[in-house]
Amino acid sequence: MEEDVAKRIETKLDAIVRLLAAPLVQGKTVTQAVQALAALGLPRRDIATICNTTPAAVSARLSEAKRGQKQTRRRTRTRGESK
């Protein structure tokens, strides 16, 4: 009985999260949406559901974004002061 109640509560909370996240991802690319939702601390599974993609695709987008940030930092360092 308690498990049923907990499952119903979890289902409703998941729906609330999706509703609250909808304005954050509206008009954004999948990569931008994934980054915004990850910055909020949402798990990849939930981000995938909100963005209508897979957790593996979410991981790939986050990895690409992280790689891009590292390259930008390297370029800035080589153009600016040396470390």
PDB file of N, CA and C in Angstrom:
ATOM      1  N   MET A   1       0.825  -1.191   0.000  1.00  0.00           N
ATOM      2  CA  MET A   1       0.000   0.000   0.000  1.00  0.00           C
ATOM      3  C   MET A   1       0.868   1.254   0.000  1.00  0.00           C
ATOM      4  N   GLU A   2       1.867   1.315   0.905  1.00  0.00           N
ATOM      5  CA  GLU A   2       2.750   2.471   0.974  1.00  0.00           C
ATOM      6  C   GLU A   2       3.563   2.628  -0.298  1.00  0.00           C
ATOM      7  N   GLU A   3       3.929   1.497  -0.911  1.00  0.00           N
ATOM      8  CA  GLU A   3       4.685   1.544  -2.157  1.00  0.00           C
ATOM      9  C   GLU A   3       3.856   2.165  -3.259  1.00  0.00           C
ATOM     10  N   ASP A   4       2.555   1.876  -3.309  1.00  0.00           N
ATOM     11  CA  ASP A   4       1.673   2.463  -4.314  1.00  0.00           C
ATOM     12  C   ASP A   4       1.585   3.976  -4.142  1.00  0.00           C
ATOM     13  N   VAL A   5       1.460   4.410  -2.915  1.00  0.00           N
ATOM     14  CA  VAL A   5       1.383   5.844  -2.628  1.00  0.00           C
ATOM     15  C   VAL A   5       2.691   6.520  -3.022  1.00  0.00           C
ATOM     16  N   ALA A   6       3.816   5.903  -2.675  1.00  0.00           N
ATOM     17  CA  ALA A   6       5.120   6.466  -3.015  1.00  0.00           C
ATOM     18  C   ALA A   6       5.298   6.546  -4.529  1.00  0.00           C
ATOM     19  N   LYS A   7       4.855   5.532  -5.247  1.00  0.00           N
ATOM     20  CA  LYS A   7       4.969   5.515  -6.705  1.00  0.00           C
ATOM     21  C   LYS A   7       4.106   6.618  -7.319  1.00  0.00           C
ATOM     22  N   ARG A   8       2.905   6.819  -6.808  1.00  0.00           N
ATOM     23  CA  ARG A   8       2.032   7.879  -7.319  1.00  0.00           C
ATOM     24  C   ARG A   8       2.631   9.255  -7.059  1.00  0.00           C
ATOM     25  N   ILE A   9       3.205   9.425  -5.889  1.00  0.00           N
ATOM     26  CA  ILE A   9       3.848  10.704  -5.563  1.00  0.00           C
ATOM     27  C   ILE A   9       5.039  10.943  -6.496  1.00  0.00           C
ATOM     28  N   GLU A  10       5.838   9.915  -6.707  1.00  0.00           N
ATOM     29  CA  GLU A  10       6.990  10.036  -7.602  1.00  0.00           C
ATOM     30  C   GLU A  10       6.559  10.396  -9.025  1.00  0.00           C
ATOM     31  N   THR A  11       5.503   9.776  -9.505  1.00  0.00           N
ATOM     32  CA  THR A  11       4.990  10.053 -10.843  1.00  0.00           C
ATOM     33  C   THR A  11       4.542  11.510 -10.958  1.00  0.00           C
ATOM     34  N   LYS A  12       3.854  11.987  -9.947  1.00  0.00           N
ATOM     35  CA  LYS A  12       3.389  13.383  -9.966  1.00  0.00           C
ATOM     36  C   LYS A  12       4.548  14.360  -9.872  1.00  0.00           C
ATOM     37  N   LEU A  13       5.544  14.051  -9.064  1.00  0.00           N
ATOM     38  CA  LEU A  13       6.715  14.912  -8.963  1.00  0.00           C
ATOM     39  C   LEU A  13       7.482  14.957 -10.284  1.00  0.00           C
ATOM     40  N   ASP A  14       7.581  13.817 -10.964  1.00  0.00           N
ATOM     41  CA  ASP A  14       8.231  13.782 -12.272  1.00  0.00           C
ATOM     42  C   ASP A  14       7.498  14.687 -13.263  1.00  0.00           C
ATOM     43  N   ALA A  15       6.185  14.661 -13.220  1.00  0.00           N
ATOM     44  CA  ALA A  15       5.388  15.520 -14.102  1.00  0.00           C
ATOM     45  C   ALA A  15       5.617  16.997 -13.780  1.00  0.00           C
ATOM     46  N   ILE A  16       5.709  17.325 -12.512  1.00  0.00           N
ATOM     47  CA  ILE A  16       5.951  18.716 -12.098  1.00  0.00           C
ATOM     48  C   ILE A  16       7.322  19.179 -12.593  1.00  0.00           C
ATOM     49  N   VAL A  17       8.322  18.333 -12.472  1.00  0.00           N
ATOM     50  CA  VAL A  17       9.665  18.682 -12.945  1.00  0.00           C
ATOM     51  C   VAL A  17       9.630  18.964 -14.441  1.00  0.00           C
ATOM     52  N   ARG A  18       8.941  18.111 -15.214  1.00  0.00           N
ATOM     53  CA  ARG A  18       8.853  18.326 -16.664  1.00  0.00           C
ATOM     54  C   ARG A  18       8.143  19.634 -16.983  1.00  0.00           C
ATOM     55  N   LEU A  19       7.086  19.943 -16.259  1.00  0.00           N
ATOM     56  CA  LEU A  19       6.357  21.189 -16.487  1.00  0.00           C
ATOM     57  C   LEU A  19       7.216  22.413 -16.162  1.00  0.00           C
ATOM     58  N   LEU A  20       7.966  22.332 -15.092  1.00  0.00           N
ATOM     59  CA  LEU A  20       8.826  23.456 -14.712  1.00  0.00           C
ATOM     60  C   LEU A  20      10.015  23.609 -15.657  1.00  0.00           C
ATOM     61  N   ALA A  21      10.478  22.506 -16.226  1.00  0.00           N
ATOM     62  CA  ALA A  21      11.630  22.553 -17.126  1.00  0.00           C
ATOM     63  C   ALA A  21      11.260  22.995 -18.535  1.00  0.00           C
ATOM     64  N   ALA A  22      10.008  22.855 -18.913  1.00  0.00           N
ATOM     65  CA  ALA A  22       9.583  23.179 -20.279  1.00  0.00           C
ATOM     66  C   ALA A  22       9.980  24.588 -20.713  1.00  0.00           C
ATOM     67  N   PRO A  23       9.732  25.626 -19.920  1.00  0.00           N
ATOM     68  CA  PRO A  23      10.138  26.976 -20.360  1.00  0.00           C
ATOM     69  C   PRO A  23      11.658  27.140 -20.483  1.00  0.00           C
ATOM     70  N   LEU A  24      12.418  26.364 -19.731  1.00  0.00           N
ATOM     71  CA  LEU A  24      13.878  26.456 -19.801  1.00  0.00           C
ATOM     72  C   LEU A  24      14.430  25.942 -21.117  1.00  0.00           C
ATOM     73  N   VAL A  25      13.759  24.979 -21.717  1.00  0.00           N
ATOM     74  CA  VAL A  25      14.281  24.360 -22.936  1.00  0.00           C
ATOM     75  C   VAL A  25      13.589  24.867 -24.206  1.00  0.00           C
ATOM     76  N   GLN A  26      12.534  25.623 -24.037  1.00  0.00           N
ATOM     77  CA  GLN A  26      11.782  26.106 -25.195  1.00  0.00           C
ATOM     78  C   GLN A  26      12.641  27.043 -26.042  1.00  0.00           C
ATOM     79  N   GLY A  27      12.731  26.757 -27.323  1.00  0.00           N
ATOM     80  CA  GLY A  27      13.483  27.594 -28.248  1.00  0.00           C
ATOM     81  C   GLY A  27      14.985  27.386 -28.206  1.00  0.00           C
ATOM     82  N   LYS A  28      15.451  26.397 -27.469  1.00  0.00           N
ATOM     83  CA  LYS A  28      16.881  26.123 -27.369  1.00  0.00           C
ATOM     84  C   LYS A  28      17.225  24.880 -28.166  1.00  0.00           C
ATOM     85  N   THR A  29      18.478  24.778 -28.554  1.00  0.00           N
ATOM     86  CA  THR A  29      18.939  23.547 -29.184  1.00  0.00           C
ATOM     87  C   THR A  29      18.994  22.463 -28.115  1.00  0.00           C
ATOM     88  N   VAL A  30      19.106  21.234 -28.548  1.00  0.00           N
ATOM     89  CA  VAL A  30      19.193  20.131 -27.587  1.00  0.00           C
ATOM     90  C   VAL A  30      20.423  20.311 -26.699  1.00  0.00           C
ATOM     91  N   THR A  31      21.532  20.721 -27.291  1.00  0.00           N
ATOM     92  CA  THR A  31      22.755  20.916 -26.513  1.00  0.00           C
ATOM     93  C   THR A  31      22.567  21.992 -25.462  1.00  0.00           C
ATOM     94  N   GLN A  32      21.968  23.115 -25.830  1.00  0.00           N
ATOM     95  CA  GLN A  32      21.723  24.195 -24.875  1.00  0.00           C
ATOM     96  C   GLN A  32      20.776  23.738 -23.768  1.00  0.00           C
ATOM     97  N   ALA A  33      19.732  23.016 -24.144  1.00  0.00           N
ATOM     98  CA  ALA A  33      18.763  22.531 -23.163  1.00  0.00           C
ATOM     99  C   ALA A  33      19.417  21.546 -22.201  1.00  0.00           C
ATOM    100  N   VAL A  34      20.221  20.651 -22.744  1.00  0.00           N
ATOM    101  CA  VAL A  34      20.913  19.659 -21.902  1.00  0.00           C
ATOM    102  C   VAL A  34      21.833  20.363 -20.916  1.00  0.00           C
ATOM    103  N   GLN A  35      22.577  21.352 -21.384  1.00  0.00           N
ATOM    104  CA  GLN A  35      23.487  22.077 -20.493  1.00  0.00           C
ATOM    105  C   GLN A  35      22.720  22.800 -19.389  1.00  0.00           C
ATOM    106  N   ALA A  36      21.607  23.432 -19.752  1.00  0.00           N
ATOM    107  CA  ALA A  36      20.820  24.167 -18.754  1.00  0.00           C
ATOM    108  C   ALA A  36      20.262  23.226 -17.693  1.00  0.00           C
ATOM    109  N   LEU A  37      19.733  22.102 -18.114  1.00  0.00           N
ATOM    110  CA  LEU A  37      19.142  21.154 -17.173  1.00  0.00           C
ATOM    111  C   LEU A  37      20.213  20.465 -16.326  1.00  0.00           C
ATOM    112  N   ALA A  38      21.361  20.192 -16.925  1.00  0.00           N
ATOM    113  CA  ALA A  38      22.454  19.579 -16.164  1.00  0.00           C
ATOM    114  C   ALA A  38      22.973  20.554 -15.113  1.00  0.00           C
ATOM    115  N   ALA A  39      22.994  21.832 -15.451  1.00  0.00           N
ATOM    116  CA  ALA A  39      23.450  22.847 -14.492  1.00  0.00           C
ATOM    117  C   ALA A  39      22.529  22.908 -13.274  1.00  0.00           C
ATOM    118  N   LEU A  40      21.274  22.510 -13.464  1.00  0.00           N
ATOM    119  CA  LEU A  40      20.324  22.470 -12.356  1.00  0.00           C
ATOM    120  C   LEU A  40      20.458  21.200 -11.525  1.00  0.00           C
ATOM    121  N   GLY A  41      21.287  20.273 -11.991  1.00  0.00           N
ATOM    122  CA  GLY A  41      21.530  19.053 -11.235  1.00  0.00           C
ATOM    123  C   GLY A  41      20.586  17.907 -11.554  1.00  0.00           C
ATOM    124  N   LEU A  42      19.859  18.010 -12.647  1.00  0.00           N
ATOM    125  CA  LEU A  42      18.956  16.914 -13.010  1.00  0.00           C
ATOM    126  C   LEU A  42      19.754  15.713 -13.512  1.00  0.00           C
ATOM    127  N   PRO A  43      19.311  14.521 -13.197  1.00  0.00           N
ATOM    128  CA  PRO A  43      20.001  13.326 -13.699  1.00  0.00           C
ATOM    129  C   PRO A  43      19.810  13.184 -15.208  1.00  0.00           C
ATOM    130  N   ARG A  44      20.737  12.516 -15.843  1.00  0.00           N
ATOM    131  CA  ARG A  44      20.710  12.364 -17.308  1.00  0.00           C
ATOM    132  C   ARG A  44      19.425  11.698 -17.794  1.00  0.00           C
ATOM    133  N   ARG A  45      18.915  10.769 -17.033  1.00  0.00           N
ATOM    134  CA  ARG A  45      17.682  10.083 -17.424  1.00  0.00           C
ATOM    135  C   ARG A  45      16.528  11.075 -17.524  1.00  0.00           C
ATOM    136  N   ASP A  46      16.433  11.979 -16.545  1.00  0.00           N
ATOM    137  CA  ASP A  46      15.364  12.983 -16.558  1.00  0.00           C
ATOM    138  C   ASP A  46      15.575  14.004 -17.669  1.00  0.00           C
ATOM    139  N   ILE A  47      16.829  14.400 -17.886  1.00  0.00           N
ATOM    140  CA  ILE A  47      17.125  15.339 -18.972  1.00  0.00           C
ATOM    141  C   ILE A  47      16.728  14.720 -20.303  1.00  0.00           C
ATOM    142  N   ALA A  48      17.026  13.451 -20.478  1.00  0.00           N
ATOM    143  CA  ALA A  48      16.682  12.759 -21.717  1.00  0.00           C
ATOM    144  C   ALA A  48      15.172  12.744 -21.939  1.00  0.00           C
ATOM    145  N   THR A  49      14.424  12.509 -20.897  1.00  0.00           N
ATOM    146  CA  THR A  49      12.962  12.491 -21.008  1.00  0.00           C
ATOM    147  C   THR A  49      12.445  13.869 -21.405  1.00  0.00           C
ATOM    148  N   ILE A  50      12.955  14.915 -20.760  1.00  0.00           N
ATOM    149  CA  ILE A  50      12.500  16.274 -21.034  1.00  0.00           C
ATOM    150  C   ILE A  50      12.856  16.690 -22.460  1.00  0.00           C
ATOM    151  N   CYS A  51      14.045  16.304 -22.917  1.00  0.00           N
ATOM    152  CA  CYS A  51      14.517  16.695 -24.253  1.00  0.00           C
ATOM    153  C   CYS A  51      14.117  15.704 -25.339  1.00  0.00           C
ATOM    154  N   ASN A  52      13.371  14.676 -24.960  1.00  0.00           N
ATOM    155  CA  ASN A  52      12.908  13.660 -25.910  1.00  0.00           C
ATOM    156  C   ASN A  52      14.088  13.008 -26.643  1.00  0.00           C
ATOM    157  N   THR A  53      15.061  12.573 -25.867  1.00  0.00           N
ATOM    158  CA  THR A  53      16.229  11.908 -26.413  1.00  0.00           C
ATOM    159  C   THR A  53      16.633  10.779 -25.463  1.00  0.00           C
ATOM    160  N   THR A  54      17.810  10.257 -25.612  1.00  0.00           N
ATOM    161  CA  THR A  54      18.263   9.153 -24.764  1.00  0.00           C
ATOM    162  C   THR A  54      19.313   9.640 -23.763  1.00  0.00           C
ATOM    163  N   PRO A  55      19.485   8.921 -22.663  1.00  0.00           N
ATOM    164  CA  PRO A  55      20.545   9.285 -21.724  1.00  0.00           C
ATOM    165  C   PRO A  55      21.936   9.273 -22.368  1.00  0.00           C
ATOM    166  N   ALA A  56      22.149   8.369 -23.323  1.00  0.00           N
ATOM    167  CA  ALA A  56      23.441   8.325 -24.021  1.00  0.00           C
ATOM    168  C   ALA A  56      23.659   9.597 -24.836  1.00  0.00           C
ATOM    169  N   ALA A  57      22.611  10.099 -25.471  1.00  0.00           N
ATOM    170  CA  ALA A  57      22.722  11.341 -26.235  1.00  0.00           C
ATOM    171  C   ALA A  57      22.988  12.525 -25.308  1.00  0.00           C
ATOM    172  N   VAL A  58      22.374  12.513 -24.140  1.00  0.00           N
ATOM    173  CA  VAL A  58      22.614  13.570 -23.147  1.00  0.00           C
ATOM    174  C   VAL A  58      24.082  13.540 -22.733  1.00  0.00           C
ATOM    175  N   SER A  59      24.615  12.365 -22.460  1.00  0.00           N
ATOM    176  CA  SER A  59      26.022  12.236 -22.079  1.00  0.00           C
ATOM    177  C   SER A  59      26.930  12.752 -23.182  1.00  0.00           C
ATOM    178  N   ALA A  60      26.586  12.441 -24.427  1.00  0.00           N
ATOM    179  CA  ALA A  60      27.392  12.897 -25.562  1.00  0.00           C
ATOM    180  C   ALA A  60      27.375  14.419 -25.666  1.00  0.00           C
ATOM    181  N   ARG A  61      26.203  15.031 -25.505  1.00  0.00           N
ATOM    182  CA  ARG A  61      26.102  16.501 -25.584  1.00  0.00           C
ATOM    183  C   ARG A  61      26.898  17.166 -24.477  1.00  0.00           C
ATOM    184  N   LEU A  62      26.842  16.608 -23.270  1.00  0.00           N
ATOM    185  CA  LEU A  62      27.594  17.177 -22.150  1.00  0.00           C
ATOM    186  C   LEU A  62      29.097  17.023 -22.374  1.00  0.00           C
ATOM    187  N   SER A  63      29.495  15.892 -22.921  1.00  0.00           N
ATOM    188  CA  SER A  63      30.905  15.663 -23.207  1.00  0.00           C
ATOM    189  C   SER A  63      31.405  16.635 -24.278  1.00  0.00           C
ATOM    190  N   GLU A  64      30.612  16.840 -25.325  1.00  0.00           N
ATOM    191  CA  GLU A  64      30.988  17.779 -26.387  1.00  0.00           C
ATOM    192  C   GLU A  64      31.121  19.190 -25.832  1.00  0.00           C
ATOM    193  N   ALA A  65      30.189  19.570 -24.982  1.00  0.00           N
ATOM    194  CA  ALA A  65      30.218  20.919 -24.405  1.00  0.00           C
ATOM    195  C   ALA A  65      31.448  21.085 -23.517  1.00  0.00           C
ATOM    196  N   LYS A  66      31.764  20.060 -22.739  1.00  0.00           N
ATOM    197  CA  LYS A  66      32.922  20.121 -21.854  1.00  0.00           C
ATOM    198  C   LYS A  66      34.208  20.208 -22.673  1.00  0.00           C
ATOM    199  N   ARG A  67      34.279  19.441 -23.756  1.00  0.00           N
ATOM    200  CA  ARG A  67      35.440  19.470 -24.633  1.00  0.00           C
ATOM    201  C   ARG A  67      35.600  20.857 -25.260  1.00  0.00           C
ATOM    202  N   GLY A  68      34.491  21.459 -25.661  1.00  0.00           N
ATOM    203  CA  GLY A  68      34.520  22.797 -26.247  1.00  0.00           C
ATOM    204  C   GLY A  68      35.005  23.843 -25.258  1.00  0.00           C
ATOM    205  N   GLN A  69      34.617  23.718 -24.001  1.00  0.00           N
ATOM    206  CA  GLN A  69      35.062  24.659 -22.975  1.00  0.00           C
ATOM    207  C   GLN A  69      36.559  24.540 -22.746  1.00  0.00           C
ATOM    208  N   LYS A  70      37.088  23.330 -22.778  1.00  0.00           N
ATOM    209  CA  LYS A  70      38.530  23.132 -22.577  1.00  0.00           C
ATOM    210  C   LYS A  70      39.309  23.773 -23.719  1.00  0.00           C
ATOM    211  N   GLN A  71      38.824  23.610 -24.950  1.00  0.00           N
ATOM    212  CA  GLN A  71      39.508  24.196 -26.104  1.00  0.00           C
ATOM    213  C   GLN A  71      39.473  25.716 -26.041  1.00  0.00           C
ATOM    214  N   THR A  72      38.355  26.270 -25.604  1.00  0.00           N
ATOM    215  CA  THR A  72      38.242  27.718 -25.479  1.00  0.00           C
ATOM    216  C   THR A  72      39.228  28.239 -24.445  1.00  0.00           C
ATOM    217  N   ARG A  73      39.360  27.552 -23.321  1.00  0.00           N
ATOM    218  CA  ARG A  73      40.300  27.962 -22.281  1.00  0.00           C
ATOM    219  C   ARG A  73      41.736  27.895 -22.782  1.00  0.00           C
ATOM    220  N   ARG A  74      42.058  26.861 -23.557  1.00  0.00           N
ATOM    221  CA  ARG A  74      43.416  26.737 -24.097  1.00  0.00           C
ATOM    222  C   ARG A  74      43.719  27.879 -25.047  1.00  0.00           C
ATOM    223  N   ARG A  75      42.765  28.209 -25.922  1.00  0.00           N
ATOM    224  CA  ARG A  75      42.966  29.311 -26.869  1.00  0.00           C
ATOM    225  C   ARG A  75      43.165  30.621 -26.133  1.00  0.00           C
ATOM    226  N   THR A  76      42.371  30.853 -25.101  1.00  0.00           N
ATOM    227  CA  THR A  76      42.480  32.082 -24.331  1.00  0.00           C
ATOM    228  C   THR A  76      43.850  32.173 -23.667  1.00  0.00           C
ATOM    229  N   ARG A  77      44.321  31.075 -23.140  1.00  0.00           N
ATOM    230  CA  ARG A  77      45.610  31.050 -22.438  1.00  0.00           C
ATOM    231  C   ARG A  77      46.753  31.315 -23.422  1.00  0.00           C
ATOM    232  N   THR A  78      46.675  30.763 -24.631  1.00  0.00           N
ATOM    233  CA  THR A  78      47.759  30.960 -25.576  1.00  0.00           C
ATOM    234  C   THR A  78      47.768  32.370 -26.149  1.00  0.00           C
ATOM    235  N   ARG A  79      46.619  32.980 -26.245  1.00  0.00           N
ATOM    236  CA  ARG A  79      46.528  34.356 -26.747  1.00  0.00           C
ATOM    237  C   ARG A  79      46.872  35.368 -25.664  1.00  0.00           C
ATOM    238  N   GLY A  80      46.531  35.050 -24.433  1.00  0.00           N
ATOM    239  CA  GLY A  80      46.758  35.965 -23.321  1.00  0.00           C
ATOM    240  C   GLY A  80      48.073  35.665 -22.643  1.00  0.00           C
ATOM    241  N   GLU A  81      48.038  35.786 -21.349  1.00  0.00           N
ATOM    242  CA  GLU A  81      49.237  35.527 -20.560  1.00  0.00           C
ATOM    243  C   GLU A  81      49.551  34.040 -20.512  1.00  0.00           C
ATOM    244  N   SER A  82      50.805  33.727 -20.410  1.00  0.00           N
ATOM    245  CA  SER A  82      51.172  32.313 -20.248  1.00  0.00           C
ATOM    246  C   SER A  82      51.025  31.938 -18.782  1.00  0.00           C
ATOM    247  N   LYS A  83      50.847  30.694 -18.546  1.00  0.00           N
ATOM    248  CA  LYS A  83      50.608  30.211 -17.181  1.00  0.00           C
ATOM    249  C   LYS A  83      51.827  30.123 -16.349  1.00  0.00           C
TER     250      LYS A  83
END
